[in-house]
Protein backbone atom coordinates (compact mmCIF):
# COMPACT_ATOMS: atom_id res chain seq x y z
CA UNK A 1 -26.07 40.65 5.17
CA UNK A 2 -23.42 42.59 3.17
CA UNK A 3 -20.76 41.29 0.61
CA UNK A 4 -17.33 42.83 0.03
CA UNK A 5 -15.52 41.96 -3.22
CA UNK A 6 -11.77 41.98 -3.88
CA UNK A 7 -10.34 41.76 -7.32
CA UNK A 8 -8.51 43.22 -10.24
CA UNK A 9 -10.35 46.47 -11.30
CA UNK A 10 -10.52 46.33 -15.06
CA UNK A 11 -12.65 48.34 -17.49
CA UNK A 12 -14.32 45.90 -19.92
CA UNK A 13 -14.28 47.39 -23.49
CA UNK A 14 -16.40 45.39 -25.91
CA UNK A 15 -15.93 46.15 -29.49
CA UNK A 16 -17.98 44.79 -32.42
CA UNK A 17 -15.76 44.24 -35.44
CA UNK A 18 -16.95 44.01 -39.03
CA UNK A 19 -14.43 41.38 -40.05
CA UNK A 20 -11.04 39.83 -39.03
CA UNK A 21 -8.90 42.58 -40.55
CA UNK A 22 -8.25 44.51 -37.37
CA UNK A 23 -7.33 41.33 -35.43
CA UNK A 24 -4.99 40.29 -38.14
CA UNK A 25 -3.38 43.74 -38.33
CA UNK A 26 -2.92 43.73 -34.53
CA UNK A 27 -1.31 40.22 -34.81
CA UNK A 28 -3.68 38.68 -32.26
CA UNK A 29 -4.56 34.93 -32.95
CA UNK A 30 -8.32 34.93 -33.31
CA UNK A 31 -10.09 33.52 -30.25
CA UNK A 32 -6.97 33.99 -28.05
CA UNK A 33 -6.32 35.78 -24.85
CA UNK A 34 -3.25 37.83 -24.32
CA UNK A 35 -1.77 40.43 -22.19
CA UNK A 36 -0.68 43.60 -23.78
CA UNK A 37 1.59 46.45 -22.79
CA UNK A 38 0.50 50.08 -22.42
CA UNK A 39 2.27 50.92 -25.66
CA UNK A 40 -0.23 48.65 -27.66
CA UNK A 41 -3.27 50.53 -26.45
CA UNK A 42 -2.97 53.54 -28.87
CA UNK A 43 -3.05 51.24 -31.83
CA UNK A 44 -6.14 49.38 -30.64
CA UNK A 45 -7.79 52.63 -29.94
CA UNK A 46 -6.98 54.05 -33.22
CA UNK A 47 -8.04 51.00 -35.32
CA UNK A 48 -11.46 50.68 -33.50
CA UNK A 49 -12.38 54.34 -32.92
CA UNK A 50 -15.17 54.23 -35.54
CA UNK A 51 -16.72 50.99 -34.37
CA UNK A 52 -19.55 50.30 -31.95
CA UNK A 53 -18.30 49.76 -28.38
CA UNK A 54 -19.49 49.48 -24.77
CA UNK A 55 -17.73 49.80 -21.42
CA UNK A 56 -18.38 48.41 -17.94
CA UNK A 57 -16.60 48.24 -14.72
CA UNK A 58 -15.16 44.64 -14.97
CA UNK A 59 -13.03 41.99 -13.45
CA UNK A 60 -14.23 38.66 -12.20
CA UNK A 61 -15.10 39.70 -8.57
CA UNK A 62 -16.43 42.88 -9.92
CA UNK A 63 -18.89 41.16 -12.11
CA UNK A 64 -20.03 39.02 -9.27
CA UNK A 65 -20.54 42.07 -6.91
CA UNK A 66 -22.44 43.90 -9.69
CA UNK A 67 -24.81 40.91 -10.05
CA UNK A 68 -25.24 40.61 -6.33
CA UNK A 69 -26.02 44.44 -5.94
CA UNK A 70 -28.64 44.27 -8.73
CA UNK A 71 -30.30 41.39 -6.85
CA UNK A 72 -30.66 43.60 -3.81
CA UNK A 73 -27.50 42.63 -1.79
CA UNK A 74 -25.65 45.46 -0.16
CA UNK A 75 -22.14 45.38 -1.51
CA UNK A 76 -18.74 46.98 -1.58
CA UNK A 77 -15.70 46.49 -3.81
CA UNK A 78 -11.95 46.80 -3.32
CA UNK A 79 -9.65 47.49 -6.28
CA UNK A 80 -7.07 49.81 -7.73
CA UNK A 81 -7.51 52.21 -10.70
CA UNK A 82 -5.47 55.03 -12.29
CA UNK A 83 -5.96 58.68 -11.78
CA UNK A 84 -7.58 59.03 -15.24
CA UNK A 85 -10.90 59.02 -17.08
CA UNK A 86 -11.29 55.33 -16.96
CA UNK A 87 -10.71 55.26 -13.26
CA UNK A 88 -13.52 57.82 -12.74
CA UNK A 89 -15.70 55.83 -15.04
CA UNK A 90 -15.05 52.70 -12.94
CA UNK A 91 -16.17 54.40 -9.72
CA UNK A 92 -19.20 56.01 -11.28
CA UNK A 93 -20.33 52.68 -12.93
CA UNK A 94 -20.25 50.99 -9.49
CA UNK A 95 -22.03 53.78 -7.66
CA UNK A 96 -24.80 53.66 -10.32
CA UNK A 97 -25.14 49.96 -9.60
CA UNK A 98 -25.57 50.56 -5.88
CA UNK A 99 -22.04 49.35 -5.00
CA UNK A 100 -19.78 51.18 -2.61
CA UNK A 101 -16.48 51.50 -4.52
CA UNK A 102 -13.34 51.36 -2.34
CA UNK A 103 -10.81 52.21 -4.91
CA UNK A 104 -7.17 52.98 -4.45
CA UNK A 105 -5.47 55.19 -7.01
CA UNK A 106 -2.17 54.89 -8.90
CA UNK A 107 -0.17 56.93 -11.41
CA UNK A 108 -0.34 53.99 -13.66
CA UNK A 109 -3.23 54.00 -16.10
CA UNK A 110 -6.38 51.98 -15.26
CA UNK A 111 -6.43 48.51 -16.46
CA UNK A 112 -8.66 47.48 -19.20
CA UNK A 113 -9.71 44.27 -21.09
CA UNK A 114 -10.62 44.60 -24.74
CA UNK A 115 -13.05 42.13 -26.16
CA UNK A 116 -12.85 42.06 -30.00
CA UNK A 117 -15.95 40.27 -31.33
CA UNK A 118 -16.09 39.21 -34.92
CA UNK A 119 -19.44 38.59 -36.84
CA UNK A 120 -19.09 34.86 -36.10
CA UNK A 121 -19.37 35.74 -32.47
CA UNK A 122 -15.67 34.52 -31.84
CA UNK A 123 -14.03 36.68 -29.10
CA UNK A 124 -10.43 37.76 -29.01
CA UNK A 125 -9.18 39.28 -25.76
CA UNK A 126 -6.42 41.75 -25.06
CA UNK A 127 -5.83 42.73 -21.50
CA UNK A 128 -3.74 45.52 -19.99
CA UNK A 129 -3.61 44.98 -16.22
CA UNK A 130 -2.31 48.46 -15.36
CA UNK A 131 -2.99 49.86 -12.07
CA UNK A 132 -5.17 46.81 -11.04
CA UNK A 133 -2.16 44.68 -10.21
CA UNK A 134 -0.52 47.32 -8.12
CA UNK A 135 -2.72 46.92 -5.05
CA UNK A 136 -0.59 46.37 -2.03
CA UNK A 137 -1.27 44.32 1.08
CA UNK A 138 -0.42 47.38 3.21
CA UNK A 139 -3.32 49.35 1.75
CA UNK A 140 -5.93 46.93 3.18
CA UNK A 141 -7.06 48.54 6.30
CA UNK A 142 -9.03 46.47 8.80
CA UNK A 143 -11.76 49.04 9.15
CA UNK A 144 -12.70 48.62 5.45
CA UNK A 145 -13.88 45.18 6.30
CA UNK A 146 -16.12 46.28 9.12
CA UNK A 147 -19.90 45.64 8.67
CA UNK A 148 -19.47 43.06 5.95
CA UNK A 149 -20.48 39.45 6.43
CA UNK A 150 -18.81 37.79 3.44
CA UNK A 151 -15.67 38.44 1.45
CA UNK A 152 -15.73 37.30 -2.24
CA UNK A 153 -12.25 36.99 -3.89
CA UNK A 154 -11.33 36.14 -7.44
CA UNK A 155 -8.71 33.61 -8.07
CA UNK A 156 -6.70 35.90 -10.50
CA UNK A 157 -5.45 37.66 -7.29
CA UNK A 158 -3.47 34.68 -6.03
CA UNK A 159 -0.46 36.00 -7.88
CA UNK A 160 -0.43 38.65 -5.15
CA UNK A 161 0.31 36.29 -2.20
CA UNK A 162 0.79 38.88 0.37
CA UNK A 163 -2.47 40.76 -0.59
CA UNK A 164 -4.55 37.53 -0.47
CA UNK A 165 -3.07 36.33 2.85
CA UNK A 166 -3.73 39.76 4.53
CA UNK A 167 -7.26 39.98 3.32
CA UNK A 168 -8.00 36.29 4.52
CA UNK A 169 -6.43 36.89 7.92
CA UNK A 170 -8.50 40.13 8.41
CA UNK A 171 -11.66 38.26 7.41
CA UNK A 172 -11.05 35.37 9.74
CA UNK A 173 -10.19 37.70 12.64
CA UNK A 174 -13.38 39.55 12.18
CA UNK A 175 -15.61 36.39 11.61
CA UNK A 176 -16.26 37.14 8.00
CA UNK A 177 -17.09 34.25 5.70
CA UNK A 178 -14.94 33.86 2.54
CA UNK A 179 -15.99 32.65 -0.99
CA UNK A 180 -13.26 32.13 -3.65
CA UNK A 181 -13.71 31.69 -7.31
CA UNK A 182 -10.77 29.74 -8.82
CA UNK A 183 -11.04 31.87 -11.96
CA UNK A 184 -8.78 29.91 -14.41
CA UNK A 185 -7.25 26.43 -14.63
CA UNK A 186 -3.88 27.82 -15.56
CA UNK A 187 -4.02 30.08 -12.52
CA UNK A 188 -4.69 26.96 -10.42
CA UNK A 189 -1.86 25.01 -11.97
CA UNK A 190 0.69 27.70 -11.43
CA UNK A 191 -0.40 28.43 -7.71
CA UNK A 192 -1.44 25.02 -6.61
CA UNK A 193 0.71 24.91 -3.56
CA UNK A 194 -0.36 28.25 -2.27
CA UNK A 195 -4.11 27.38 -3.01
CA UNK A 196 -3.82 24.15 -1.23
CA UNK A 197 -2.53 26.11 1.78
CA UNK A 198 -5.18 28.81 2.06
CA UNK A 199 -8.31 26.98 0.81
CA UNK A 200 -8.60 24.49 3.78
CA UNK A 201 -7.63 27.16 6.37
CA UNK A 202 -9.74 30.20 5.19
CA UNK A 203 -12.26 29.49 2.44
CA UNK A 204 -15.81 28.63 3.29
CA UNK A 205 -17.39 28.61 -0.21
CA UNK A 206 -15.39 27.60 -3.20
CA UNK A 207 -16.48 27.93 -6.91
CA UNK A 208 -14.75 25.97 -9.75
CA UNK A 209 -15.54 24.93 -13.18
CA UNK A 210 -14.66 21.40 -14.51
CA UNK A 211 -11.14 22.41 -15.73
CA UNK A 212 -10.34 24.30 -12.54
CA UNK A 213 -11.52 21.49 -10.24
CA UNK A 214 -9.48 19.02 -12.27
CA UNK A 215 -6.32 21.25 -12.12
CA UNK A 216 -6.78 21.41 -8.37
CA UNK A 217 -7.66 17.82 -7.53
CA UNK A 218 -6.49 15.88 -10.56
CA UNK A 219 -9.95 14.29 -10.61
CA UNK A 220 -13.23 14.30 -12.73
CA UNK A 221 -15.97 16.59 -11.59
CA UNK A 222 -17.84 14.36 -9.20
CA UNK A 223 -14.80 12.97 -7.58
CA UNK A 224 -13.34 16.57 -7.53
CA UNK A 225 -16.47 17.73 -5.78
CA UNK A 226 -15.92 15.20 -3.09
CA UNK A 227 -12.36 16.25 -2.59
CA UNK A 228 -13.24 19.92 -2.51
CA UNK A 229 -15.94 19.39 0.05
CA UNK A 230 -13.44 17.84 2.39
CA UNK A 231 -11.54 21.27 2.47
CA UNK A 232 -14.41 23.79 2.44
CA UNK A 233 -17.89 23.96 3.89
CA UNK A 234 -19.61 24.47 0.58
CA UNK A 235 -18.06 23.34 -2.83
CA UNK A 236 -19.55 24.11 -6.26
CA UNK A 237 -18.37 22.63 -9.44
CA UNK A 238 -19.82 23.86 -12.71
CA UNK A 239 -19.82 21.56 -15.66
CA UNK A 240 -20.99 23.68 -18.56
CA UNK A 241 -24.01 22.28 -20.37
CA UNK A 242 -24.41 19.60 -17.72
CA UNK A 243 -25.21 22.19 -15.06
CA UNK A 244 -23.51 22.30 -11.67
CA UNK A 245 -23.00 20.27 -8.48
CA UNK A 246 -23.16 21.61 -4.96
CA UNK A 247 -21.79 19.70 -1.98
CA UNK A 248 -21.79 20.48 1.78
CA UNK A 249 -20.75 17.61 3.97
CA UNK A 250 -22.78 14.69 2.75
CA UNK A 251 -25.50 16.87 1.14
CA UNK A 252 -25.21 16.84 -2.66
CA UNK A 253 -27.44 18.76 -5.06
CA UNK A 254 -27.50 18.68 -8.88
CA UNK A 255 -28.53 21.85 -10.61
CA UNK A 256 -29.59 21.76 -14.30
CA UNK A 257 -28.75 24.77 -16.58
CA UNK A 258 -31.49 27.17 -17.74
CA UNK A 259 -32.39 26.75 -21.42
CA UNK A 260 -30.79 29.56 -23.53
CA UNK A 261 -29.01 30.13 -26.83
CA UNK A 262 -25.40 30.90 -25.83
CA UNK A 263 -23.97 33.97 -27.63
CA UNK A 264 -21.10 34.71 -25.30
CA UNK A 265 -19.97 32.80 -22.19
CA UNK A 266 -17.97 35.62 -20.77
CA UNK A 267 -18.92 36.30 -17.19
CA UNK A 268 -21.04 33.14 -16.80
CA UNK A 269 -19.23 31.85 -13.81
CA UNK A 270 -19.10 35.36 -12.20
CA UNK A 271 -22.97 35.75 -12.55
CA UNK A 272 -23.44 32.18 -11.22
CA UNK A 273 -21.51 33.05 -8.12
CA UNK A 274 -23.69 36.18 -7.76
CA UNK A 275 -26.89 34.18 -7.99
CA UNK A 276 -25.70 31.47 -5.58
CA UNK A 277 -24.30 33.93 -2.94
CA UNK A 278 -27.44 35.97 -3.04
CA UNK A 279 -29.48 32.98 -2.16
CA UNK A 280 -26.96 31.79 0.36
CA UNK A 281 -26.82 35.03 2.49
CA UNK A 282 -30.65 35.01 2.33
CA UNK A 283 -30.77 31.63 3.98
CA UNK A 284 -32.15 29.78 0.93
CA UNK A 285 -31.62 26.15 0.40
CA UNK A 286 -28.77 24.77 -1.90
CA UNK A 287 -31.21 23.91 -4.69
CA UNK A 288 -32.57 27.44 -4.72
CA UNK A 289 -29.05 28.98 -4.52
CA UNK A 290 -27.95 26.91 -7.42
CA UNK A 291 -31.10 27.86 -9.47
CA UNK A 292 -30.47 31.45 -8.83
CA UNK A 293 -26.86 30.99 -10.14
CA UNK A 294 -28.00 29.13 -13.14
CA UNK A 295 -30.59 31.83 -13.73
CA UNK A 296 -28.05 34.69 -13.80
CA UNK A 297 -25.57 32.69 -15.88
CA UNK A 298 -28.22 32.03 -18.50
CA UNK A 299 -29.01 35.71 -18.78
CA UNK A 300 -25.45 36.80 -19.31
CA UNK A 301 -24.50 34.11 -21.96
CA UNK A 302 -27.51 34.95 -24.12
CA UNK A 303 -25.89 38.44 -24.74
CA UNK A 304 -22.45 39.81 -25.37
CA UNK A 305 -20.32 40.91 -22.31
CA UNK A 306 -19.93 39.87 -18.70
CA UNK A 307 -22.90 41.87 -17.41
CA UNK A 308 -26.65 41.14 -17.63
CA UNK A 309 -28.10 43.93 -19.88
CA UNK A 310 -30.14 46.64 -18.13
CA UNK A 311 -33.20 45.66 -20.21
CA UNK A 312 -33.29 42.21 -18.66
CA UNK A 313 -33.14 42.95 -14.98
CA UNK A 314 -36.79 43.35 -14.44
CA UNK A 315 -37.33 39.80 -15.82
CA UNK A 316 -34.35 38.50 -13.92
CA UNK A 317 -35.81 39.84 -10.57
CA UNK A 318 -39.23 38.41 -11.32
CA UNK A 319 -37.83 35.01 -12.06
CA UNK A 320 -35.56 35.16 -9.02
CA UNK A 321 -38.59 35.88 -6.84
CA UNK A 322 -40.26 32.68 -8.08
CA UNK A 323 -37.20 30.79 -7.33
CA UNK A 324 -37.04 32.18 -3.88
CA UNK A 325 -40.66 31.10 -3.12
CA UNK A 326 -40.07 27.61 -4.68
CA UNK A 327 -39.36 24.52 -2.60
């Protein structure tokens, strides 16, 4: 089975800071997340040019697709980038991970998400959406979806109602299953009516954390799980250190977290989705799917960034195989 991702194509730029001075000079509240304009990029670049940094093709759905591909699932990814150096990097990075990039191009520069990490491990985010949010519903050709069995969408895209609706209608017409990650509680709150319309009609698998599930159902995790399971075939609610819950009909499974010292929780939910979906499309039981999700989440939070480091993938694949063979 093949998985197609749809999301905001953003280059993740992780920068290790020596102290708080640069954050203060930029005027960013420490630990905050803010959208920035293209005019603010040169100052960030200039202030951090001598510091250690890494880049990766990012965005919530992109992170999930990357994890799926590294687990051995054939994947494609739809997004929009600029006709610039970062846009080229985005495509190459996906190809190197074995993913087929289906990237539209814009005259607007490629979006990027700066993660400024201070010595105390606190993260301050500055995101320029750029070309990523210019993807238009008319650009989604039906033939792109051919040969894929599951479409994974990030919740951040619900701001583009026409795009989401077209993708969902194409998927339904072609018999493609749909998984949706709610992405952020504030996104859920601001688009609750739209989500309540599309989820029961189109979504097969729904991922939410405790805050997102509460924003959608107004209930605590276990009660929220039950409500979500009435709308979708498989509902997953992640509750941080308490693990996660999976429900399909009357079947309920509790998954414990994998023991790890958390350095950076960025991408944990994205990688959980990758592990779960890999197990699901390979016909594993919900317990195994959840354990695969927990495995990948644990590997990413033990390091900085939304990707599992290359050096850990041999270990990840070995542990994943043990889970696959377990009861």
